Protein backbone atom coordinates (compact mmCIF):
# COMPACT_ATOMS: atom_id res chain seq x y z
CA MET A 1 16.53 -34.85 14.31
CA ILE A 2 16.49 -37.61 11.67
CA ASN A 3 14.00 -37.38 8.82
CA PHE A 4 12.87 -40.99 8.32
CA LYS A 5 10.97 -40.11 5.16
CA GLU A 6 14.00 -38.69 3.36
CA ASP A 7 16.53 -41.33 4.48
CA GLU A 8 16.16 -44.13 1.92
CA ASN A 9 17.35 -46.95 4.18
CA LEU A 10 15.40 -45.84 7.25
CA ASN A 11 12.35 -45.30 5.07
CA LYS A 12 12.41 -48.90 3.85
CA LEU A 13 13.13 -50.27 7.32
CA ASN A 14 10.37 -48.29 9.00
CA HIS A 15 7.82 -49.16 6.34
CA SER A 16 8.65 -52.81 6.91
CA CYS A 17 8.26 -52.31 10.64
CA ALA A 18 4.80 -50.82 10.08
CA HIS A 19 3.86 -54.16 8.48
CA LEU A 20 5.42 -56.00 11.41
CA MET A 21 3.21 -53.99 13.76
CA ALA A 22 0.12 -54.69 11.63
CA GLN A 23 0.91 -58.41 11.70
CA ALA A 24 1.19 -58.35 15.50
CA ILE A 25 -2.11 -56.46 15.75
CA SER A 26 -3.79 -59.03 13.49
CA HIS A 27 -2.64 -61.77 15.88
CA LEU A 28 -3.98 -59.98 18.95
CA TYR A 29 -7.13 -58.57 17.32
CA PRO A 30 -8.25 -60.94 14.54
CA ASP A 31 -11.10 -58.62 13.47
CA ALA A 32 -8.80 -55.65 12.95
CA LYS A 33 -9.09 -53.75 9.65
CA PHE A 34 -6.17 -51.75 8.27
CA TRP A 35 -6.16 -48.40 6.44
CA VAL A 36 -2.63 -47.09 5.66
CA GLY A 37 0.78 -47.38 7.32
CA PRO A 38 3.12 -44.78 5.83
CA VAL A 39 6.57 -43.58 6.77
CA VAL A 40 6.56 -39.97 7.99
CA GLU A 41 9.36 -37.62 9.05
CA SER A 42 9.26 -38.91 12.62
CA GLY A 43 9.07 -42.65 11.88
CA PHE A 44 5.99 -44.67 10.87
CA TYR A 45 2.39 -45.14 11.86
CA TYR A 46 -0.52 -47.40 10.99
CA ASP A 47 -4.22 -46.50 11.13
CA VAL A 48 -6.27 -49.43 12.36
CA ASP A 49 -9.98 -50.05 12.90
CA LEU A 50 -10.36 -52.07 16.10
CA GLY A 51 -14.12 -51.67 16.38
CA ASP A 52 -14.99 -50.06 19.70
CA LYS A 53 -11.55 -50.79 21.13
CA VAL A 54 -9.47 -47.75 22.16
CA ILE A 55 -5.74 -48.41 22.47
CA ASN A 56 -4.04 -47.87 25.85
CA ASP A 57 -0.53 -48.28 27.28
CA GLU A 58 -1.10 -51.94 28.18
CA ASP A 59 -2.17 -52.68 24.59
CA ILE A 60 0.99 -51.03 23.25
CA GLU A 61 3.07 -53.23 25.53
CA ALA A 62 1.25 -56.35 24.29
CA ILE A 63 1.65 -55.34 20.63
CA SER A 64 5.38 -54.68 21.17
CA LYS A 65 5.80 -58.09 22.80
CA GLU A 66 4.09 -59.81 19.86
CA MET A 67 6.22 -57.84 17.37
CA LYS A 68 9.42 -59.02 19.07
CA LYS A 69 8.16 -62.59 18.91
CA ILE A 70 7.45 -62.30 15.15
CA ALA A 71 10.79 -60.58 14.48
CA LYS A 72 12.65 -63.34 16.31
CA ASP A 73 10.97 -65.92 14.05
CA GLY A 74 12.66 -64.17 11.11
CA LYS A 75 10.21 -64.86 8.25
CA ARG A 76 11.19 -63.61 4.80
CA ILE A 77 9.23 -60.73 3.28
CA ILE A 78 8.01 -61.70 -0.18
CA ARG A 79 6.67 -59.39 -2.91
CA ASN A 80 3.88 -60.53 -5.24
CA GLU A 81 2.25 -58.65 -8.12
CA ILE A 82 -1.45 -59.26 -8.74
CA SER A 83 -4.31 -57.98 -10.88
CA LYS A 84 -6.96 -55.58 -9.62
CA SER A 85 -9.58 -58.33 -9.58
CA GLU A 86 -7.25 -60.59 -7.60
CA ALA A 87 -6.59 -57.77 -5.14
CA LEU A 88 -10.32 -57.14 -4.67
CA GLU A 89 -10.85 -60.83 -3.96
CA GLN A 90 -7.88 -61.17 -1.64
CA PHE A 91 -8.88 -58.18 0.53
CA LYS A 92 -12.66 -58.50 0.22
CA ASP A 93 -13.10 -58.61 4.02
CA ASP A 94 -11.28 -55.31 4.62
CA PRO A 95 -13.35 -52.29 3.44
CA TYR A 96 -10.38 -49.95 3.88
CA LYS A 97 -8.19 -51.94 1.50
CA ILE A 98 -11.11 -52.27 -0.92
CA ASP A 99 -11.42 -48.47 -0.91
CA LEU A 100 -7.75 -48.16 -1.89
CA ILE A 101 -7.93 -50.84 -4.58
CA GLU A 102 -11.10 -49.52 -6.22
CA ARG A 103 -9.40 -46.15 -6.74
CA MET A 104 -6.42 -47.74 -8.51
CA ASP A 105 -6.07 -47.68 -12.29
CA GLU A 106 -4.67 -51.09 -13.19
CA GLU A 107 -3.56 -49.75 -16.57
CA ILE A 108 -0.96 -47.50 -14.94
CA THR A 109 -0.58 -48.91 -11.42
CA VAL A 110 1.34 -52.03 -10.49
CA ILE A 111 -0.68 -53.65 -7.68
CA SER A 112 1.62 -55.48 -5.31
CA THR A 113 1.38 -57.24 -1.95
CA TYR A 114 4.02 -58.18 0.60
CA SER A 115 3.74 -61.35 2.67
CA GLN A 116 5.57 -62.39 5.83
CA GLY A 117 4.44 -65.69 7.27
CA ASP A 118 0.71 -65.59 7.98
CA PHE A 119 0.28 -61.89 7.14
CA THR A 120 -0.15 -60.23 3.73
CA ASP A 121 -0.59 -56.52 3.15
CA LEU A 122 -1.31 -54.38 0.13
CA CYS A 123 1.78 -52.21 -0.52
CA ARG A 124 3.94 -50.75 -3.26
CA GLY A 125 7.12 -51.36 -1.21
CA PRO A 126 10.04 -51.66 -1.11
CA HIS A 127 10.75 -53.67 2.06
CA VAL A 128 13.72 -55.25 3.81
CA ASP A 129 14.39 -58.96 3.26
CA THR A 130 13.21 -60.39 6.59
CA VAL A 131 11.17 -59.33 9.62
CA LYS A 132 14.26 -60.00 11.76
CA GLU A 133 15.77 -56.77 10.46
CA CYS A 134 12.92 -54.86 12.19
CA LYS A 135 13.74 -56.04 15.71
CA ASN A 136 15.16 -52.70 16.93
CA PHE A 137 11.91 -50.77 17.22
CA LYS A 138 9.91 -48.74 19.71
CA LEU A 139 6.21 -47.85 19.66
CA ILE A 140 6.28 -44.28 20.89
CA LYS A 141 2.73 -42.90 20.94
CA PHE A 142 -0.86 -43.45 19.86
CA SER A 143 -3.91 -41.34 19.13
CA GLY A 144 -7.21 -41.27 17.31
CA ALA A 145 -7.37 -40.23 13.65
CA TYR A 146 -10.36 -39.71 11.38
CA TRP A 147 -10.41 -42.02 8.37
CA LYS A 148 -9.06 -40.00 5.42
CA GLY A 149 -8.75 -37.02 7.79
CA ASP A 150 -12.49 -36.35 7.44
CA ILE A 151 -14.25 -35.32 10.65
CA ASN A 152 -17.41 -37.04 9.39
CA ASN A 153 -15.67 -40.43 9.18
CA LYS A 154 -14.94 -43.03 11.82
CA VAL A 155 -12.07 -42.52 14.26
CA LEU A 156 -9.31 -45.09 13.71
CA GLN A 157 -6.52 -46.00 16.12
CA ARG A 158 -3.21 -44.52 14.98
CA ILE A 159 -0.06 -46.08 16.46
CA TYR A 160 3.36 -44.49 15.88
CA GLY A 161 6.75 -46.13 16.03
CA VAL A 162 10.39 -45.93 14.98
CA CYS A 163 12.85 -48.59 13.85
CA PHE A 164 16.64 -48.60 13.45
CA PRO A 165 19.26 -51.01 12.13
CA SER A 166 20.87 -51.31 15.59
CA GLU A 167 19.89 -51.11 19.22
CA GLU A 168 22.50 -48.42 19.81
CA GLU A 169 20.98 -46.16 17.13
CA LEU A 170 17.50 -46.76 18.54
CA ASN A 171 18.57 -45.88 22.08
CA SER A 172 20.37 -42.76 20.88
CA TYR A 173 17.25 -41.62 19.04
CA LEU A 174 15.00 -42.34 22.02
CA GLN A 175 17.30 -40.19 24.14
CA GLU A 176 16.89 -37.40 21.59
CA LEU A 177 13.11 -37.79 21.88
CA GLU A 178 13.31 -37.45 25.66
CA ASP A 179 15.41 -34.33 25.24
CA ALA A 180 12.87 -32.96 22.76
CA LYS A 181 10.06 -33.51 25.28
CA LEU A 182 11.94 -31.41 27.81
CA ARG A 183 12.44 -28.71 25.19
CA ASP A 184 8.82 -28.73 24.02
CA HIS A 185 7.57 -25.14 24.37
CA ARG A 186 4.24 -26.40 25.71
CA LYS A 187 6.02 -27.91 28.72
CA LEU A 188 8.38 -24.96 29.12
CA GLY A 189 5.51 -22.51 28.71
CA LYS A 190 3.69 -24.16 31.59
CA ASP A 191 6.74 -24.60 33.83
CA LEU A 192 7.89 -21.00 33.34
CA GLY A 193 4.42 -19.43 33.48
CA ILE A 194 4.57 -18.08 29.91
CA PHE A 195 1.09 -18.87 28.57
CA MET A 196 -2.07 -20.85 29.18
CA THR A 197 -4.99 -22.14 27.14
CA ASN A 198 -8.55 -22.90 28.16
CA ASP A 199 -11.26 -24.47 26.02
CA LEU A 200 -13.83 -22.12 27.54
CA VAL A 201 -11.89 -19.26 25.94
CA GLY A 202 -11.49 -21.31 22.76
CA LYS A 203 -9.10 -23.79 21.18
CA GLY A 204 -6.07 -22.16 19.59
CA LEU A 205 -6.54 -18.91 21.55
CA PRO A 206 -3.61 -18.76 23.99
CA MET A 207 -3.42 -16.23 26.80
CA TYR A 208 -0.10 -14.84 27.97
CA LEU A 209 0.55 -14.85 31.70
CA PRO A 210 2.58 -12.08 33.39
CA ASN A 211 5.89 -13.79 32.62
CA GLY A 212 4.88 -14.37 29.00
CA CYS A 213 3.66 -10.80 28.61
CA THR A 214 7.07 -9.58 29.78
CA VAL A 215 8.84 -11.75 27.21
CA TRP A 216 6.45 -10.52 24.52
CA ASP A 217 6.96 -6.86 25.46
CA GLU A 218 10.74 -7.20 25.33
CA PHE A 219 10.75 -8.79 21.87
CA GLU A 220 8.25 -6.24 20.54
CA ARG A 221 10.26 -3.32 21.93
CA TYR A 222 13.46 -4.82 20.50
CA ILE A 223 12.22 -5.31 16.95
CA LYS A 224 10.46 -1.94 16.80
CA GLU A 225 13.67 -0.19 17.82
CA LYS A 226 15.52 -2.04 15.07
CA GLU A 227 12.90 -1.04 12.53
CA ARG A 228 12.75 2.61 13.59
CA LYS A 229 16.51 2.92 13.11
CA LEU A 230 15.99 1.70 9.53
CA GLY A 231 13.29 4.27 8.80
CA TYR A 232 10.16 2.20 9.34
CA LYS A 233 6.91 4.02 10.13
CA HIS A 234 4.67 2.08 12.50
CA VAL A 235 0.90 2.00 12.14
CA LEU A 236 -2.13 0.42 13.84
CA THR A 237 -4.91 -1.18 11.83
CA PRO A 238 -8.06 -3.09 12.88
CA PRO A 239 -8.07 -6.91 13.17
CA LEU A 240 -11.00 -7.26 10.74
CA GLY A 241 -12.05 -5.83 7.42
CA ASN A 242 -14.80 -5.64 4.84
CA VAL A 243 -15.03 -8.75 2.66
CA ASP A 244 -14.65 -6.50 -0.41
CA LEU A 245 -11.16 -5.55 0.82
CA TYR A 246 -10.08 -9.19 0.48
CA LYS A 247 -11.89 -9.61 -2.82
CA THR A 248 -9.91 -6.65 -4.15
CA SER A 249 -6.61 -8.08 -2.87
CA GLY A 250 -7.41 -11.56 -4.23
CA HIS A 251 -7.19 -13.23 -0.84
CA TRP A 252 -10.89 -14.05 -0.89
CA ASP A 253 -10.46 -16.26 -3.96
CA HIS A 254 -7.16 -17.80 -2.91
CA TYR A 255 -7.33 -17.87 0.88
CA LYS A 256 -10.95 -17.90 2.00
CA ASP A 257 -10.81 -21.50 3.30
CA SER A 258 -8.25 -20.36 5.87
CA MET A 259 -10.43 -17.47 7.05
CA PHE A 260 -13.10 -17.49 9.71
CA PRO A 261 -16.69 -17.20 8.40
CA LYS A 262 -17.83 -13.75 7.37
CA MET A 263 -20.10 -11.69 9.63
CA GLU A 264 -22.93 -9.46 8.43
CA VAL A 265 -23.46 -6.21 10.33
CA GLU A 266 -25.87 -3.48 9.15
CA GLY A 267 -25.66 -4.64 5.56
CA GLU A 268 -21.86 -4.91 5.50
CA GLU A 269 -19.93 -8.18 5.42
CA PHE A 270 -16.81 -8.38 7.60
CA VAL A 271 -14.20 -11.04 8.22
CA LEU A 272 -11.46 -11.44 10.83
CA ARG A 273 -8.32 -10.63 8.91
CA PRO A 274 -5.86 -13.42 8.15
CA MET A 275 -3.11 -11.03 7.01
CA ASN A 276 -2.30 -7.31 7.05
CA CYS A 277 -1.21 -6.41 3.53
CA PRO A 278 -4.64 -5.20 2.31
CA HIS A 279 -4.85 -2.73 5.21
CA HIS A 280 -1.36 -1.45 4.49
CA MET A 281 -2.21 -1.06 0.81
CA MET A 282 -5.05 1.24 1.85
CA ILE A 283 -2.72 3.26 4.10
CA TYR A 284 -0.42 3.81 1.11
CA ALA A 285 -3.41 4.78 -1.04
CA ASN A 286 -4.44 7.40 1.53
CA ASP A 287 -1.86 9.87 0.18
CA ILE A 288 -0.22 10.97 -3.06
CA HIS A 289 3.36 9.72 -3.39
CA SER A 290 6.36 10.82 -5.37
CA TYR A 291 9.40 8.72 -6.23
CA ARG A 292 11.15 10.89 -3.62
CA ASP A 293 8.93 9.32 -0.90
CA LEU A 294 10.09 5.82 -1.75
CA PRO A 295 11.03 3.51 -0.26
CA LEU A 296 8.13 3.81 2.20
CA ARG A 297 8.43 1.23 4.96
CA ILE A 298 5.18 0.59 6.90
CA GLY A 299 5.45 -1.70 9.94
CA GLU A 300 2.99 -3.12 12.46
CA ILE A 301 2.71 -5.68 15.23
CA ALA A 302 -0.64 -6.83 13.90
CA ARG A 303 -3.30 -9.20 15.25
CA ASP A 304 -4.46 -11.81 12.70
CA CYS A 305 -6.86 -14.75 12.83
CA ARG A 306 -6.80 -17.86 10.70
CA PHE A 307 -8.88 -21.00 10.85
CA GLU A 308 -6.79 -24.00 11.80
CA SER A 309 -8.31 -27.43 12.36
CA SER A 310 -8.26 -28.42 16.01
CA GLY A 311 -5.93 -31.33 15.22
CA SER A 312 -3.24 -28.99 13.89
CA LEU A 313 -3.20 -26.61 16.88
CA LYS A 314 -0.01 -26.69 18.94
CA GLY A 315 0.66 -24.49 21.97
CA ILE A 316 1.57 -21.02 20.73
CA GLU A 317 3.35 -22.37 17.66
CA ARG A 318 0.17 -22.99 15.67
CA VAL A 319 -2.87 -21.04 16.81
CA ARG A 320 -6.03 -19.36 15.57
CA SER A 321 -5.17 -15.88 16.78
CA PHE A 322 -1.64 -14.50 16.56
CA CYS A 323 0.42 -11.33 16.10
CA GLN A 324 2.77 -10.76 13.21
CA ASN A 325 5.88 -8.62 13.17
CA ASP A 326 4.77 -7.46 9.75
CA ALA A 327 5.91 -4.76 7.35
CA HIS A 328 5.35 -3.69 3.75
CA LEU A 329 7.97 -1.81 1.79
CA PHE A 330 6.71 0.24 -1.14
CA VAL A 331 9.61 0.64 -3.56
CA THR A 332 10.48 1.56 -7.13
CA PRO A 333 11.72 -1.27 -9.39
CA GLU A 334 15.24 0.18 -9.11
CA GLN A 335 15.11 -0.14 -5.31
CA ILE A 336 14.17 -3.85 -5.18
CA GLU A 337 17.69 -5.18 -4.82
CA SER A 338 18.90 -2.70 -2.18
CA GLU A 339 15.70 -2.97 -0.10
CA PHE A 340 15.58 -6.74 -0.31
CA LYS A 341 19.20 -6.87 0.78
CA LEU A 342 18.41 -4.59 3.75
CA VAL A 343 15.67 -7.01 4.83
CA VAL A 344 18.02 -9.98 4.62
CA ASP A 345 20.66 -8.02 6.54
CA LEU A 346 18.08 -7.25 9.24
CA ILE A 347 17.16 -10.93 9.52
CA LEU A 348 20.81 -11.91 9.90
CA ASP A 349 21.43 -9.08 12.38
CA VAL A 350 18.49 -10.16 14.56
CA TYR A 351 19.58 -13.80 14.46
CA LYS A 352 23.08 -12.75 15.52
CA ASP A 353 21.71 -10.66 18.42
CA LEU A 354 19.55 -13.56 19.61
CA ASN A 355 22.17 -16.24 18.97
CA ILE A 356 20.00 -18.15 16.47
CA THR A 357 22.30 -20.31 14.38
CA ASP A 358 20.36 -23.36 13.17
CA TYR A 359 18.38 -22.25 10.10
CA HIS A 360 18.42 -22.35 6.30
CA PHE A 361 16.99 -20.31 3.41
CA GLU A 362 14.40 -21.47 0.88
CA LEU A 363 13.39 -19.59 -2.27
CA SER A 364 9.70 -20.39 -2.76
CA LEU A 365 8.57 -20.28 -6.38
CA ARG A 366 5.25 -20.90 -8.14
CA ASP A 367 4.32 -24.14 -9.86
CA LYS A 368 3.74 -23.13 -13.48
CA GLU A 369 1.36 -26.06 -13.94
CA ASP A 370 -0.97 -24.81 -11.20
CA LYS A 371 -3.28 -22.38 -12.98
CA ILE A 372 -5.60 -21.92 -9.98
CA LYS A 373 -3.36 -21.23 -6.98
CA TYR A 374 -1.28 -18.43 -8.50
CA TYR A 375 -2.11 -15.04 -9.94
CA PRO A 376 -2.19 -15.53 -13.74
CA ASP A 377 0.58 -13.33 -15.14
CA ASP A 378 3.55 -15.25 -16.53
CA GLU A 379 5.59 -12.14 -17.28
CA MET A 380 5.12 -10.81 -13.75
CA TRP A 381 6.13 -14.16 -12.23
CA ASP A 382 9.21 -14.61 -14.39
CA ASN A 383 10.32 -11.05 -13.63
CA ALA A 384 9.77 -11.41 -9.86
CA GLU A 385 11.46 -14.80 -9.58
CA ASN A 386 14.46 -13.74 -11.64
CA LYS A 387 14.80 -10.55 -9.57
CA LEU A 388 14.95 -12.58 -6.36
CA ARG A 389 17.50 -15.00 -7.75
CA GLU A 390 19.70 -12.08 -8.84
CA VAL A 391 19.48 -10.45 -5.42
CA LEU A 392 20.25 -13.65 -3.51
CA ASP A 393 23.13 -14.55 -5.81
CA ASP A 394 24.56 -11.03 -5.42
CA ILE A 395 24.27 -11.22 -1.64
CA GLY A 396 25.85 -14.67 -1.68
CA ILE A 397 23.28 -16.42 0.51
CA PRO A 398 22.99 -20.21 0.03
CA TYR A 399 19.42 -21.30 -0.63
CA VAL A 400 17.35 -24.11 -2.10
CA GLU A 401 14.48 -23.58 -4.51
CA LYS A 402 11.02 -24.89 -3.57
CA VAL A 403 8.57 -25.04 -6.47
CA GLY A 404 4.92 -24.60 -5.52
CA GLU A 405 5.56 -22.87 -2.19
CA ALA A 406 5.19 -19.23 -3.30
CA ALA A 407 2.40 -16.95 -2.12
CA PHE A 408 -0.39 -16.54 -4.69
CA TYR A 409 0.87 -13.04 -5.56
CA GLY A 410 4.64 -13.57 -5.73
CA PRO A 411 7.82 -15.53 -4.86
CA LYS A 412 9.37 -15.35 -1.41
CA LEU A 413 12.47 -16.09 0.60
CA ASP A 414 11.72 -18.11 3.74
CA VAL A 415 13.98 -18.81 6.70
CA GLN A 416 13.24 -22.35 7.88
CA VAL A 417 13.84 -23.67 11.40
CA LYS A 418 13.21 -27.02 13.10
CA PRO A 419 11.32 -27.04 16.39
CA ALA A 420 12.02 -29.56 19.15
CA VAL A 421 8.83 -31.44 18.29
CA GLY A 422 7.25 -31.58 14.84
CA ASN A 423 8.03 -30.47 11.31
CA GLU A 424 10.17 -27.50 10.33
CA TYR A 425 8.42 -24.22 9.64
CA THR A 426 9.05 -20.66 8.49
CA LEU A 427 10.36 -18.19 11.07
CA SER A 428 11.13 -15.14 8.89
CA THR A 429 9.98 -14.35 5.39
CA CYS A 430 10.52 -11.78 2.65
CA GLN A 431 8.18 -11.71 -0.36
CA LEU A 432 8.28 -9.80 -3.64
CA ASP A 433 4.94 -8.61 -4.96
CA PHE A 434 4.08 -6.96 -8.29
CA CYS A 435 0.46 -8.09 -8.01
CA LEU A 436 -1.27 -6.43 -5.03
CA PRO A 437 -0.18 -2.84 -5.75
CA ALA A 438 -1.65 -3.20 -9.23
CA ARG A 439 -4.89 -4.69 -7.90
CA PHE A 440 -5.28 -1.74 -5.54
CA ASP A 441 -4.29 0.71 -8.29
CA LEU A 442 -1.44 2.13 -6.21
CA THR A 443 0.77 4.73 -7.89
CA TYR A 444 3.62 7.15 -7.40
CA VAL A 445 4.71 10.10 -9.54
CA ASP A 446 8.00 9.29 -11.23
CA ARG A 447 10.81 11.70 -12.22
CA ASP A 448 9.22 12.37 -15.61
CA GLY A 449 5.83 13.19 -14.08
CA SER A 450 4.21 9.92 -15.15
CA LYS A 451 2.33 7.65 -12.77
CA LYS A 452 4.00 4.32 -12.01
CA THR A 453 2.97 1.31 -9.93
CA PRO A 454 5.22 0.62 -6.93
CA VAL A 455 6.56 -2.81 -6.08
CA VAL A 456 5.80 -4.16 -2.61
CA ILE A 457 8.14 -6.20 -0.45
CA HIS A 458 6.26 -8.09 2.27
CA ARG A 459 8.51 -9.04 5.19
CA ALA A 460 8.26 -10.48 8.68
CA ILE A 461 11.45 -10.72 10.75
CA LEU A 462 10.21 -12.36 13.95
CA GLY A 463 7.29 -13.67 11.89
CA SER A 464 4.43 -14.55 14.17
CA ILE A 465 5.66 -13.39 17.58
CA ASP A 466 3.72 -16.26 19.16
CA ARG A 467 5.54 -18.81 17.00
CA PHE A 468 8.83 -17.01 17.51
CA ILE A 469 8.51 -17.26 21.31
CA ALA A 470 7.64 -20.95 20.97
CA TYR A 471 10.71 -21.54 18.82
CA TYR A 472 13.00 -19.48 21.03
CA LEU A 473 11.90 -21.30 24.19
CA GLU A 474 12.68 -24.61 22.52
CA GLU A 475 15.91 -23.52 20.89
CA LYS A 476 17.26 -22.10 24.18
CA ARG A 477 15.62 -24.77 26.40
CA GLY A 478 13.79 -22.04 28.25
CA VAL A 479 17.02 -20.22 29.17
CA LEU A 480 16.27 -16.70 27.97
CA PRO A 481 18.80 -13.86 27.70
CA LEU A 482 19.00 -11.56 30.71
CA TRP A 483 17.23 -8.68 28.94
CA VAL A 484 14.26 -10.93 27.97
CA SER A 485 13.88 -12.95 31.18
CA PRO A 486 10.67 -12.30 33.15
CA VAL A 487 12.70 -12.37 36.38
CA GLN A 488 16.21 -11.12 35.76
CA ILE A 489 17.63 -11.36 39.29
CA SER A 490 16.64 -13.46 42.27
CA ILE A 491 17.76 -12.19 45.69
CA LEU A 492 18.36 -14.85 48.35
CA PRO A 493 19.12 -13.66 51.91
CA VAL A 494 20.94 -16.41 53.84
CA ASN A 495 19.02 -15.68 57.05
CA ASN A 496 16.02 -13.37 57.25
CA GLU A 497 16.81 -12.27 60.81
CA TYR A 498 20.23 -10.91 59.88
CA HIS A 499 20.18 -10.29 56.14
CA LEU A 500 16.63 -9.38 55.09
CA ASP A 501 17.05 -5.63 55.56
CA TYR A 502 20.08 -5.56 53.27
CA ALA A 503 18.25 -7.79 50.75
CA LYS A 504 15.34 -5.33 50.70
CA LYS A 505 17.76 -2.46 50.13
CA VAL A 506 19.33 -4.25 47.15
CA GLU A 507 15.87 -5.10 45.81
CA GLU A 508 14.75 -1.47 46.00
CA ILE A 509 17.85 -0.17 44.24
CA LEU A 510 17.49 -2.70 41.39
CA ARG A 511 13.74 -2.22 41.04
CA ASN A 512 14.16 1.55 40.85
CA MET A 513 16.53 0.98 37.94
CA ASP A 514 13.74 -0.92 36.12
CA ILE A 515 15.42 -4.27 36.66
CA ARG A 516 13.01 -7.18 37.16
CA VAL A 517 13.94 -8.58 40.55
CA GLU A 518 12.40 -11.13 42.90
CA LEU A 519 13.19 -11.33 46.61
CA ASP A 520 12.84 -14.87 47.97
CA SER A 521 12.67 -14.47 51.74
CA ARG A 522 10.74 -17.66 52.49
CA ASP A 523 11.69 -19.63 55.58
CA GLU A 524 13.29 -22.34 53.49
CA LYS A 525 16.91 -23.47 53.39
CA LEU A 526 19.18 -21.48 51.10
CA GLY A 527 19.94 -24.57 48.99
CA TYR A 528 16.24 -25.19 48.38
CA ARG A 529 15.63 -21.60 47.30
CA MET A 530 18.71 -21.65 45.08
CA ARG A 531 17.53 -24.85 43.37
CA GLU A 532 14.14 -23.28 42.75
CA SER A 533 15.76 -20.19 41.24
CA GLN A 534 17.69 -22.49 38.91
CA MET A 535 14.52 -24.42 38.02
CA LYS A 536 12.86 -21.12 37.07
CA LYS A 537 15.93 -20.45 34.90
CA VAL A 538 16.54 -17.03 36.50
CA PRO A 539 19.75 -15.70 34.88
CA ILE A 540 21.32 -14.25 38.06
CA SER A 541 20.90 -15.24 41.70
CA LEU A 542 22.35 -13.03 44.45
CA VAL A 543 23.26 -14.62 47.78
CA LEU A 544 23.44 -12.12 50.64
CA GLY A 545 24.97 -13.04 53.99
CA ASN A 546 27.06 -11.39 56.70
CA SER A 547 30.03 -10.37 54.56
CA GLU A 548 27.82 -9.08 51.74
CA ARG A 549 25.82 -6.98 54.21
CA ASP A 550 28.87 -5.63 56.04
CA GLU A 551 30.93 -4.91 52.93
CA GLU A 552 28.12 -3.71 50.59
CA THR A 553 28.74 -6.56 48.14
CA VAL A 554 26.73 -9.27 46.40
CA THR A 555 27.70 -12.87 45.69
CA ILE A 556 26.58 -13.86 42.19
CA ARG A 557 25.64 -17.23 40.77
CA PHE A 558 24.78 -17.37 37.08
CA PHE A 559 22.19 -19.84 35.82
CA GLY A 560 23.61 -23.28 35.08
CA LYS A 561 26.99 -22.58 36.70
CA GLU A 562 28.31 -23.74 40.05
CA ASP A 563 30.95 -21.04 40.40
CA LYS A 564 30.16 -17.94 42.41
CA LYS A 565 31.85 -14.57 42.44
CA THR A 566 31.54 -11.54 44.67
CA MET A 567 31.33 -7.91 43.50
CA LYS A 568 30.79 -4.54 45.09
CA LEU A 569 27.10 -3.63 44.90
CA ASP A 570 27.66 -0.50 42.81
CA GLU A 571 30.00 -2.41 40.51
CA PHE A 572 27.38 -5.14 40.07
CA ILE A 573 24.64 -2.60 39.33
CA SER A 574 26.76 -0.98 36.64
CA TYR A 575 27.60 -4.40 35.19
CA VAL A 576 24.06 -5.77 35.06
CA LYS A 577 22.53 -2.51 33.83
CA GLY A 578 25.01 -2.46 30.95
CA LYS A 579 24.22 -6.05 30.02
CA ILE A 580 20.48 -5.31 29.94
CA ASP A 581 20.66 -1.96 28.17
CA ASN A 582 22.95 -3.36 25.47
CA ARG A 583 20.85 -6.54 25.18
CA GLU A 584 23.97 -8.67 25.44
CA TYR A 585 23.38 -12.36 24.99
CA ASP A 586 26.23 -13.75 27.11
CA LEU A 587 26.78 -13.18 30.83
CA ASP A 588 30.36 -13.28 31.98
């Protein structure tokens, strides 16, 4: 999808269109007051105070009509620079603009306005030359938004839109938006029976339905098998901990705003854990280690809880309770490169297995100017960041550096993906940490008998499994591989009177082989049942009629394909069992 904020020409055009929309609103609602109208990744929006008025679809239609009328008139957009006192006088009737102006330092800020006909707005610009250039627009959604994002402030009306140089580009983008809506994991999750939410349970606390639990189990089994083959030891730790645990790790100072409030029980203070590394540090500290024991790879599918504002919650992509495919590798300094490379290799291997191709790597570094966010040890940071650069350059992975995105304890390599709806996020991560093992006073006995501090590599391959399922549903449009699918095979007898017995025999054979099968023997036409199987995105549908019954065969239709082919039942069983056991992505 296009990033309007990063595209210089679209940025200017969409910012101008935000002013066009504000002008139209001022015509329709003369008492309207305007806060800000920025360009964002998905287009533009404007926050407007319309008193007690709440925007609806009819209002959007009226605003769009007025915008087209203004654009057709074609007024020039004119920039004017003014003093702070002039700005305060010019916008004295709009408290939102006054708030912006009063916070400006006229010694270092150029205060400018842009005018188009009867409308003038405070803005730094730049803008296009005339409002006529903004004629190819679409207002796409609206919502409420707290002024300045503060829950204690008034709710403003936020209206979103997009604008393009041509009608063809606009229509193409709108088609992409429609496609994105169909791919949205919240819609797919509902249609496919993956998960549900209920405010009585709590916002941001999704529950997985039987189909979703099956998908979850398959991914968990898959990644644990991968890890075991690489020597990982799996553990189970509690989803809460003593506050002192997080004070020792440093998370309490750096991360407490993202935690749920602490609880006091019998004189102890506990908190729902937001991450698992402190628990894993304590597991390492439970025993004496020699250099011969390292690397020690501790893995866990771990339940975490983080406070997210209700406005940021999104299906199972952004939640308040989630499970991480987490692991911590305790290594010697000499093992950093080889172990880090093994993690990257595992990420690439998993992405190949699951046919994930659209991603990129970011090396997240600290901001040296930020003395509060990051653990204060320049030598440690320089060493860690240089180590990661060396490893990545040796491996030959292309990456971009992101200053200010590191964890408080060390730099990290993030794998970024773009969901169908919303901003890109991290799917997998691998972090280098010299800090936490020192804070927990972890040691190992080196070759010379001296005690040394291990280095820790934090890594998550599937990341949050919740978020991973959300991404995978969107990336694959709900069409899951055979081995993951909640229902792997749908059996459709042509006529229950003649073919049901054979269908039940096939069902029993497949079920006994631990294949997830569904027999659809409803008194509906075959075409109707076949369409429903396709709508449920079942990978394989078996049609059983006279010839199949008499010849011990099955007629196969794969999801999304019109062609059918017939196989002997035992041949089909061998084929499908092999595909599932080998977790093959393609069916052929």
